[in-house]
Amino acid sequence: MGKANKPGNNSKPSVKVSVFHVLVILIGADLILLLAPDFGILNSILYIPSLYSWPALIGGLILLVYGFNGLYKKL
């Protein structure tokens, strides 16, 4: 039988999740869910003009991309 590796030999670098980026992802997802044109929750209850809903959708997508870009950090 082969020898078992010591725990220090095969350790992987730990990963830290950024709380700020998690919050940015949640804000972006909320913007998309609430204000998406023709499908958003607030858009189905209230009439929100496209002047506000399309920029909110684009802003939510930008926030999602930014949040997922810096979510994990190596220590």
N, C-alpha and C. Protein backbone atom coordinates (compact mmCIF):
# COMPACT_ATOMS: atom_id res chain seq x y z
N MET A 1 0.83 -1.17 0.00
CA MET A 1 0.00 0.00 0.00
C MET A 1 0.88 1.24 0.00
N GLY A 2 0.41 2.25 -0.69
CA GLY A 2 1.15 3.50 -0.77
C GLY A 2 0.97 4.34 0.49
N LYS A 3 1.88 5.26 0.65
CA LYS A 3 1.80 6.14 1.81
C LYS A 3 0.77 7.24 1.54
N ALA A 4 0.09 7.62 2.59
CA ALA A 4 -0.89 8.71 2.47
C ALA A 4 -0.15 10.05 2.50
N ASN A 5 -0.62 10.98 1.71
CA ASN A 5 -0.02 12.31 1.72
C ASN A 5 -0.35 13.04 3.00
N LYS A 6 0.59 13.83 3.47
CA LYS A 6 0.34 14.64 4.64
C LYS A 6 -0.64 15.75 4.26
N PRO A 7 -1.46 16.21 5.20
CA PRO A 7 -2.44 17.26 4.88
C PRO A 7 -1.79 18.55 4.36
N GLY A 8 -0.58 18.85 4.74
CA GLY A 8 0.07 20.07 4.30
C GLY A 8 0.57 19.99 2.87
N ASN A 9 0.77 18.78 2.35
CA ASN A 9 1.34 18.64 1.01
C ASN A 9 0.35 18.92 -0.11
N ASN A 10 -0.89 18.51 0.06
CA ASN A 10 -1.85 18.64 -1.04
C ASN A 10 -2.95 19.65 -0.73
N SER A 11 -2.63 20.65 0.06
CA SER A 11 -3.66 21.64 0.38
C SER A 11 -3.84 22.61 -0.78
N LYS A 12 -5.08 22.93 -1.07
CA LYS A 12 -5.39 23.87 -2.13
C LYS A 12 -5.53 25.26 -1.50
N PRO A 13 -5.25 26.30 -2.27
CA PRO A 13 -5.44 27.64 -1.70
C PRO A 13 -6.92 27.89 -1.41
N SER A 14 -7.18 28.44 -0.24
CA SER A 14 -8.57 28.68 0.13
C SER A 14 -9.14 29.84 -0.67
N VAL A 15 -10.45 29.83 -0.79
CA VAL A 15 -11.16 30.83 -1.59
C VAL A 15 -12.07 31.62 -0.64
N LYS A 16 -12.07 32.93 -0.80
CA LYS A 16 -12.91 33.81 0.01
C LYS A 16 -13.98 34.41 -0.88
N VAL A 17 -15.21 34.43 -0.38
CA VAL A 17 -16.33 35.01 -1.12
C VAL A 17 -16.53 36.43 -0.63
N SER A 18 -16.61 37.38 -1.55
CA SER A 18 -16.78 38.78 -1.21
C SER A 18 -18.25 39.07 -0.93
N VAL A 19 -18.52 39.59 0.27
CA VAL A 19 -19.89 39.91 0.66
C VAL A 19 -20.42 41.07 -0.18
N PHE A 20 -19.57 42.04 -0.49
CA PHE A 20 -19.98 43.17 -1.31
C PHE A 20 -20.47 42.72 -2.68
N HIS A 21 -19.76 41.78 -3.30
CA HIS A 21 -20.15 41.30 -4.62
C HIS A 21 -21.43 40.47 -4.56
N VAL A 22 -21.65 39.77 -3.47
CA VAL A 22 -22.92 39.04 -3.30
C VAL A 22 -24.08 40.03 -3.24
N LEU A 23 -23.89 41.14 -2.52
CA LEU A 23 -24.94 42.15 -2.44
C LEU A 23 -25.18 42.82 -3.80
N VAL A 24 -24.11 43.03 -4.57
CA VAL A 24 -24.27 43.62 -5.90
C VAL A 24 -25.05 42.67 -6.80
N ILE A 25 -24.80 41.38 -6.69
CA ILE A 25 -25.54 40.38 -7.48
C ILE A 25 -27.02 40.40 -7.09
N LEU A 26 -27.31 40.48 -5.81
CA LEU A 26 -28.70 40.51 -5.36
C LEU A 26 -29.43 41.77 -5.84
N ILE A 27 -28.76 42.91 -5.80
CA ILE A 27 -29.38 44.15 -6.27
C ILE A 27 -29.65 44.08 -7.77
N GLY A 28 -28.69 43.56 -8.54
CA GLY A 28 -28.88 43.42 -9.98
C GLY A 28 -30.02 42.47 -10.32
N ALA A 29 -30.10 41.36 -9.59
CA ALA A 29 -31.18 40.41 -9.85
C ALA A 29 -32.54 41.00 -9.48
N ASP A 30 -32.59 41.77 -8.39
CA ASP A 30 -33.85 42.42 -8.01
C ASP A 30 -34.29 43.43 -9.06
N LEU A 31 -33.35 44.21 -9.57
CA LEU A 31 -33.72 45.16 -10.62
C LEU A 31 -34.31 44.46 -11.83
N ILE A 32 -33.70 43.35 -12.21
CA ILE A 32 -34.19 42.62 -13.38
C ILE A 32 -35.57 42.02 -13.10
N LEU A 33 -35.73 41.40 -11.93
CA LEU A 33 -37.01 40.75 -11.61
C LEU A 33 -38.15 41.75 -11.44
N LEU A 34 -37.84 42.91 -10.90
CA LEU A 34 -38.91 43.87 -10.64
C LEU A 34 -39.27 44.71 -11.86
N LEU A 35 -38.27 45.15 -12.62
CA LEU A 35 -38.52 46.17 -13.63
C LEU A 35 -38.31 45.71 -15.07
N ALA A 36 -38.19 44.43 -15.33
CA ALA A 36 -38.00 43.97 -16.70
C ALA A 36 -39.24 44.31 -17.53
N PRO A 37 -39.04 44.85 -18.73
CA PRO A 37 -40.19 45.23 -19.56
C PRO A 37 -41.04 44.01 -19.92
N ASP A 38 -42.35 44.12 -19.73
CA ASP A 38 -43.35 43.11 -20.06
C ASP A 38 -43.31 41.86 -19.19
N PHE A 39 -42.28 41.67 -18.36
CA PHE A 39 -42.20 40.46 -17.54
C PHE A 39 -41.94 40.74 -16.07
N GLY A 40 -41.56 41.94 -15.72
CA GLY A 40 -41.21 42.26 -14.34
C GLY A 40 -42.41 42.24 -13.42
N ILE A 41 -42.16 42.00 -12.14
CA ILE A 41 -43.24 41.91 -11.16
C ILE A 41 -43.93 43.25 -10.99
N LEU A 42 -43.16 44.31 -10.82
CA LEU A 42 -43.78 45.63 -10.69
C LEU A 42 -44.41 46.09 -11.99
N ASN A 43 -43.83 45.67 -13.10
CA ASN A 43 -44.37 46.05 -14.40
C ASN A 43 -45.71 45.38 -14.67
N SER A 44 -45.95 44.22 -14.07
CA SER A 44 -47.24 43.57 -14.27
C SER A 44 -48.32 44.16 -13.37
N ILE A 45 -47.93 44.72 -12.22
CA ILE A 45 -48.90 45.31 -11.30
C ILE A 45 -49.18 46.77 -11.67
N LEU A 46 -48.11 47.52 -11.90
CA LEU A 46 -48.23 48.94 -12.22
C LEU A 46 -47.76 49.18 -13.64
N TYR A 47 -48.16 50.27 -14.20
CA TYR A 47 -47.64 50.63 -15.51
C TYR A 47 -46.38 51.46 -15.32
N ILE A 48 -45.25 50.91 -15.71
CA ILE A 48 -43.97 51.62 -15.66
C ILE A 48 -43.51 51.81 -17.10
N PRO A 49 -43.30 53.06 -17.52
CA PRO A 49 -42.93 53.29 -18.92
C PRO A 49 -41.59 52.67 -19.28
N SER A 50 -41.42 52.44 -20.56
CA SER A 50 -40.17 51.85 -21.05
C SER A 50 -38.97 52.76 -20.83
N LEU A 51 -39.23 54.02 -20.61
CA LEU A 51 -38.16 54.97 -20.33
C LEU A 51 -37.42 54.59 -19.05
N TYR A 52 -38.10 53.94 -18.10
CA TYR A 52 -37.48 53.53 -16.85
C TYR A 52 -37.14 52.04 -16.81
N SER A 53 -37.90 51.22 -17.50
CA SER A 53 -37.70 49.78 -17.37
C SER A 53 -36.49 49.28 -18.16
N TRP A 54 -36.25 49.80 -19.36
CA TRP A 54 -35.09 49.33 -20.14
C TRP A 54 -33.76 49.73 -19.50
N PRO A 55 -33.58 50.96 -19.03
CA PRO A 55 -32.32 51.27 -18.33
C PRO A 55 -32.14 50.46 -17.05
N ALA A 56 -33.23 50.16 -16.35
CA ALA A 56 -33.13 49.33 -15.14
C ALA A 56 -32.69 47.92 -15.50
N LEU A 57 -33.19 47.39 -16.61
CA LEU A 57 -32.80 46.06 -17.05
C LEU A 57 -31.31 46.03 -17.43
N ILE A 58 -30.87 47.03 -18.16
CA ILE A 58 -29.46 47.10 -18.56
C ILE A 58 -28.58 47.30 -17.34
N GLY A 59 -29.00 48.15 -16.42
CA GLY A 59 -28.23 48.36 -15.19
C GLY A 59 -28.15 47.09 -14.35
N GLY A 60 -29.25 46.34 -14.28
CA GLY A 60 -29.24 45.07 -13.55
C GLY A 60 -28.29 44.06 -14.16
N LEU A 61 -28.26 44.01 -15.49
CA LEU A 61 -27.32 43.09 -16.15
C LEU A 61 -25.88 43.50 -15.91
N ILE A 62 -25.61 44.80 -15.93
CA ILE A 62 -24.25 45.28 -15.65
C ILE A 62 -23.84 44.95 -14.22
N LEU A 63 -24.77 45.13 -13.28
CA LEU A 63 -24.47 44.79 -11.89
C LEU A 63 -24.23 43.29 -11.71
N LEU A 64 -24.97 42.46 -12.42
CA LEU A 64 -24.74 41.01 -12.35
C LEU A 64 -23.37 40.63 -12.87
N VAL A 65 -22.98 41.20 -14.00
CA VAL A 65 -21.67 40.89 -14.57
C VAL A 65 -20.57 41.36 -13.63
N TYR A 66 -20.71 42.57 -13.10
CA TYR A 66 -19.70 43.09 -12.17
C TYR A 66 -19.63 42.25 -10.90
N GLY A 67 -20.77 41.83 -10.39
CA GLY A 67 -20.79 41.03 -9.16
C GLY A 67 -20.17 39.66 -9.34
N PHE A 68 -20.48 38.99 -10.44
CA PHE A 68 -19.91 37.67 -10.67
C PHE A 68 -18.43 37.74 -11.04
N ASN A 69 -18.00 38.88 -11.58
CA ASN A 69 -16.60 39.03 -11.97
C ASN A 69 -15.68 39.00 -10.75
N GLY A 70 -16.04 39.62 -9.65
CA GLY A 70 -15.16 39.68 -8.49
C GLY A 70 -15.67 38.92 -7.30
N LEU A 71 -16.46 37.90 -7.52
CA LEU A 71 -17.09 37.18 -6.40
C LEU A 71 -16.09 36.39 -5.57
N TYR A 72 -15.21 35.66 -6.21
CA TYR A 72 -14.26 34.80 -5.50
C TYR A 72 -12.89 35.43 -5.48
N LYS A 73 -12.24 35.35 -4.32
CA LYS A 73 -10.87 35.85 -4.17
C LYS A 73 -10.01 34.74 -3.58
N LYS A 74 -8.84 34.56 -4.14
CA LYS A 74 -7.91 33.57 -3.58
C LYS A 74 -7.11 34.20 -2.46
N LEU A 75 -6.90 33.44 -1.41
CA LEU A 75 -6.11 33.95 -0.28
C LEU A 75 -4.66 33.60 -0.42
